N, C-alpha and C. Protein backbone atom coordinates (compact mmCIF):
# COMPACT_ATOMS: atom_id res chain seq x y z
N UNK A 1 52.87 -19.04 54.92
CA UNK A 1 53.88 -18.40 55.03
C UNK A 1 54.43 -20.03 56.42
N UNK A 2 53.85 -20.49 56.91
CA UNK A 2 53.66 -21.20 57.90
C UNK A 2 54.31 -22.57 57.38
N UNK A 3 54.38 -23.78 56.34
CA UNK A 3 55.39 -24.41 55.95
C UNK A 3 56.24 -23.80 55.59
N UNK A 4 57.16 -22.54 54.62
CA UNK A 4 58.46 -21.51 54.80
C UNK A 4 58.52 -21.39 56.14
N UNK A 5 58.13 -21.10 57.19
CA UNK A 5 59.02 -21.25 58.52
C UNK A 5 58.79 -22.65 58.59
N UNK A 6 58.45 -23.57 58.43
CA UNK A 6 58.76 -24.95 59.43
C UNK A 6 59.90 -25.36 58.72
N UNK A 7 60.01 -25.16 57.43
CA UNK A 7 61.35 -26.09 56.48
C UNK A 7 61.99 -24.99 56.72
N UNK A 8 62.46 -23.69 57.27
CA UNK A 8 63.51 -23.23 57.57
C UNK A 8 63.94 -23.85 58.92
N UNK A 9 62.85 -23.56 59.90
CA UNK A 9 63.35 -24.32 61.30
C UNK A 9 63.63 -25.74 61.30
N UNK A 10 62.93 -26.68 60.09
CA UNK A 10 64.10 -28.23 60.60
C UNK A 10 65.05 -27.67 59.53
N UNK A 11 64.88 -27.36 58.78
CA UNK A 11 66.68 -26.70 58.03
C UNK A 11 67.54 -26.50 59.10
N UNK A 12 67.84 -26.01 60.19
CA UNK A 12 68.17 -25.37 61.20
C UNK A 12 68.49 -26.84 62.17
N UNK A 13 67.35 -26.88 62.63
CA UNK A 13 67.79 -28.32 63.54
C UNK A 13 68.77 -29.32 62.83
N UNK A 14 68.35 -29.68 61.69
CA UNK A 14 69.04 -30.56 61.18
C UNK A 14 70.21 -30.17 61.14
N UNK A 15 70.34 -28.73 60.57
CA UNK A 15 71.64 -28.73 60.55
C UNK A 15 72.80 -28.94 61.97
N UNK A 16 72.29 -28.09 63.42
CA UNK A 16 72.80 -28.44 64.27
C UNK A 16 72.80 -29.96 65.43
N UNK A 17 71.86 -30.58 64.61
CA UNK A 17 72.22 -32.30 65.32
C UNK A 17 73.02 -32.57 64.29
N UNK A 18 73.78 -32.62 62.81
CA UNK A 18 74.68 -32.99 62.65
C UNK A 18 76.00 -32.36 63.09
N UNK A 19 75.93 -31.42 63.39
CA UNK A 19 76.57 -30.73 63.88
C UNK A 19 77.79 -31.91 65.17
N UNK A 20 76.60 -32.93 65.69
CA UNK A 20 77.48 -33.47 66.47
C UNK A 20 77.76 -34.65 66.22
N UNK A 21 77.66 -35.08 64.50
CA UNK A 21 78.13 -36.09 63.93
C UNK A 21 79.21 -35.86 63.25
N UNK A 22 79.74 -34.97 62.90
CA UNK A 22 80.84 -34.11 62.01
C UNK A 22 81.59 -35.34 61.81
N UNK A 23 82.72 -36.15 62.39
CA UNK A 23 83.58 -37.19 62.30
C UNK A 23 83.10 -37.81 61.48
N UNK A 24 81.98 -38.85 61.89
CA UNK A 24 81.23 -39.14 61.58
C UNK A 24 80.79 -39.15 59.98
N UNK A 25 80.40 -37.79 59.59
CA UNK A 25 80.46 -37.59 58.21
C UNK A 25 80.97 -37.93 57.36
N UNK A 26 82.40 -37.66 58.60
CA UNK A 26 83.51 -37.10 57.25
C UNK A 26 84.62 -38.61 57.15
N UNK A 27 83.71 -39.67 57.86
CA UNK A 27 84.95 -41.03 57.74
C UNK A 27 84.01 -41.58 57.20
N UNK A 28 82.60 -41.37 56.14
CA UNK A 28 81.53 -41.35 55.48
C UNK A 28 81.83 -40.94 54.10
N UNK A 29 82.34 -39.77 54.49
CA UNK A 29 82.31 -38.81 52.93
C UNK A 29 80.73 -38.29 52.64
N UNK A 30 80.81 -37.74 53.49
CA UNK A 30 79.07 -36.92 53.50
C UNK A 30 78.58 -36.01 54.24
N UNK A 31 80.41 -35.07 54.02
CA UNK A 31 80.01 -33.65 54.63
C UNK A 31 78.33 -32.66 53.66
N UNK A 32 78.74 -33.35 52.69
CA UNK A 32 77.24 -32.52 52.00
C UNK A 32 76.02 -32.25 52.62
N UNK A 33 75.38 -33.44 53.28
CA UNK A 33 74.47 -32.95 54.13
C UNK A 33 75.09 -31.94 55.51
N UNK A 34 75.79 -32.04 55.73
CA UNK A 34 75.87 -30.98 56.50
C UNK A 34 75.93 -29.36 56.26
N UNK A 35 76.42 -29.05 54.34
CA UNK A 35 76.28 -28.10 54.18
C UNK A 35 75.30 -27.77 53.19
N UNK A 36 74.46 -28.56 52.80
CA UNK A 36 72.65 -29.35 52.46
C UNK A 36 71.91 -28.37 53.15
N UNK A 37 72.38 -28.50 54.39
CA UNK A 37 71.00 -27.86 55.77
C UNK A 37 70.99 -27.05 55.78
N UNK A 38 72.61 -26.24 56.30
CA UNK A 38 72.92 -24.29 56.36
C UNK A 38 72.63 -23.91 54.58
N UNK A 39 72.59 -24.65 53.88
CA UNK A 39 72.22 -24.19 52.82
C UNK A 39 70.41 -24.26 52.68
N UNK A 40 70.22 -24.88 52.56
CA UNK A 40 68.52 -24.38 52.99
C UNK A 40 68.16 -24.03 53.99
N UNK A 41 68.86 -23.69 54.97
CA UNK A 41 68.49 -22.71 56.10
C UNK A 41 68.58 -20.99 55.77
N UNK A 42 69.61 -20.97 54.98
CA UNK A 42 69.66 -19.91 54.64
C UNK A 42 68.64 -19.29 53.26
N UNK A 43 68.77 -20.30 52.60
CA UNK A 43 68.08 -19.77 51.35
C UNK A 43 66.18 -19.71 52.00
N UNK A 44 66.14 -20.79 53.60
CA UNK A 44 64.48 -20.29 53.55
C UNK A 44 64.40 -18.91 54.47
N UNK A 45 65.66 -18.49 54.72
CA UNK A 45 65.62 -17.11 55.37
C UNK A 45 65.13 -16.05 54.78
N UNK A 46 66.30 -16.09 53.31
CA UNK A 46 66.12 -15.22 52.19
C UNK A 46 64.07 -15.55 52.07
N UNK A 47 63.73 -16.63 51.37
CA UNK A 47 62.37 -16.63 50.75
C UNK A 47 61.44 -16.19 52.16
N UNK A 48 61.79 -16.55 53.75
CA UNK A 48 60.58 -15.48 54.80
C UNK A 48 61.10 -14.11 54.66
N UNK A 49 61.97 -13.35 54.53
CA UNK A 49 61.89 -12.10 53.89
C UNK A 49 61.44 -11.26 52.84
N UNK A 50 61.63 -12.33 51.45
CA UNK A 50 60.82 -11.64 50.45
C UNK A 50 59.96 -11.87 50.74
N UNK A 51 59.04 -13.05 51.20
CA UNK A 51 57.13 -12.75 51.49
C UNK A 51 56.89 -11.60 52.40
N UNK A 52 57.78 -11.70 54.14
CA UNK A 52 57.91 -10.15 54.54
C UNK A 52 58.22 -8.91 53.72
N UNK A 53 58.52 -9.11 53.05
CA UNK A 53 58.63 -7.97 51.92
C UNK A 53 57.18 -8.27 51.25
N UNK A 54 56.92 -8.57 50.32
CA UNK A 54 55.41 -8.59 49.40
C UNK A 54 54.85 -8.16 50.85
N UNK A 55 54.32 -9.14 51.80
CA UNK A 55 53.33 -8.58 52.49
C UNK A 55 53.22 -7.41 52.81
N UNK A 56 54.37 -6.52 53.22
CA UNK A 56 54.55 -5.31 53.70
C UNK A 56 53.88 -3.91 52.20
N UNK A 57 54.99 -4.72 51.04
CA UNK A 57 54.25 -3.60 50.01
C UNK A 57 53.01 -4.26 48.96
N UNK A 58 52.52 -4.83 49.68
CA UNK A 58 50.74 -4.84 49.22
C UNK A 58 50.07 -3.84 48.71
N UNK A 59 49.53 -3.97 47.58
CA UNK A 59 48.30 -3.12 47.70
C UNK A 59 47.54 -2.80 48.92
N UNK A 60 46.73 -1.37 48.81
CA UNK A 60 45.77 -1.26 49.84
C UNK A 60 44.92 -1.79 49.51
N UNK A 61 44.20 -1.38 47.99
CA UNK A 61 43.15 -1.74 47.86
C UNK A 61 42.42 -2.85 47.27
N UNK A 62 43.77 -4.15 47.34
CA UNK A 62 43.33 -5.62 47.08
C UNK A 62 42.49 -5.91 47.94
N UNK A 63 41.45 -7.01 47.94
CA UNK A 63 41.11 -7.70 49.26
C UNK A 63 40.89 -8.47 49.07
N UNK A 64 41.65 -8.30 50.49
CA UNK A 64 42.01 -9.57 51.56
C UNK A 64 41.26 -10.77 51.71
N UNK A 65 41.65 -12.44 50.77
CA UNK A 65 40.38 -13.18 50.61
C UNK A 65 40.46 -13.91 51.69
N UNK A 66 41.09 -13.25 53.22
CA UNK A 66 41.53 -14.38 54.37
C UNK A 66 40.46 -13.88 55.56
N UNK A 67 39.57 -12.42 55.08
CA UNK A 67 38.88 -12.15 55.86
C UNK A 67 37.51 -12.68 55.88
N UNK A 68 36.29 -12.77 56.46
CA UNK A 68 35.17 -12.96 56.62
C UNK A 68 34.87 -12.19 55.38
N UNK A 69 33.53 -13.06 54.65
CA UNK A 69 33.18 -12.34 53.11
C UNK A 69 32.40 -11.14 53.84
N UNK A 70 31.73 -10.48 55.26
CA UNK A 70 30.99 -9.75 54.90
C UNK A 70 32.31 -8.55 55.06
N UNK A 71 33.47 -8.97 55.95
CA UNK A 71 33.80 -7.15 55.82
C UNK A 71 34.53 -7.31 54.51
N UNK A 72 35.18 -8.35 53.51
CA UNK A 72 35.67 -8.35 52.09
C UNK A 72 34.53 -6.66 51.71
N UNK A 73 33.33 -7.90 51.49
CA UNK A 73 32.45 -7.48 50.70
C UNK A 73 32.03 -5.87 51.07
N UNK A 74 32.21 -5.15 52.64
CA UNK A 74 32.06 -3.67 52.87
C UNK A 74 32.79 -2.83 52.08
N UNK A 75 34.47 -4.02 52.00
CA UNK A 75 35.79 -3.27 51.43
C UNK A 75 35.51 -2.46 49.99
N UNK A 76 34.15 -3.77 49.37
CA UNK A 76 34.89 -3.38 47.74
C UNK A 76 33.27 -1.82 48.00
N UNK A 77 32.17 -2.42 48.20
CA UNK A 77 31.39 -1.48 48.08
C UNK A 77 31.66 -0.18 48.94
N UNK A 78 32.59 0.40 49.50
CA UNK A 78 33.12 1.66 49.65
C UNK A 78 33.55 2.24 48.87
N UNK A 79 34.35 2.26 47.50
CA UNK A 79 34.73 3.11 46.44
C UNK A 79 33.72 3.60 45.97
N UNK A 80 34.18 4.56 45.74
CA UNK A 80 33.44 5.33 45.01
C UNK A 80 32.68 5.01 43.34
N UNK A 81 33.63 4.63 42.70
CA UNK A 81 32.72 3.73 41.74
C UNK A 81 32.06 2.65 41.16
N UNK A 82 31.61 2.37 42.63
CA UNK A 82 30.10 0.80 42.36
C UNK A 82 28.99 1.42 42.96
N UNK A 83 28.47 1.73 42.43
CA UNK A 83 26.98 1.46 42.67
C UNK A 83 26.69 0.42 43.58
N UNK A 84 25.58 1.89 44.60
CA UNK A 84 24.75 1.29 45.70
C UNK A 84 24.42 -0.25 45.35
N UNK A 85 24.51 -1.46 45.83
CA UNK A 85 23.42 -2.42 45.63
C UNK A 85 22.37 -2.24 46.03
N UNK A 86 20.81 -2.67 45.25
CA UNK A 86 19.77 -2.79 45.55
C UNK A 86 19.35 -3.79 46.35
């Protein structure tokens, strides 16, 4: 998710920087760069929204792989269908 946030932010920065160069972009017939950065920013926002939505709707019984092993193991062992370890 950090990569998506960074890419979205860089797209916004690129768009804002190119706003200062609109006359030069028009002379060079390169306005596509301005609109490409805007599109990348909007698609990045859309993707971040989907990622946050998926994070909120994640199944609660799924083990979080980013937690330390001791915490993840205790989550699995608390279930009723798992026999106690010897």
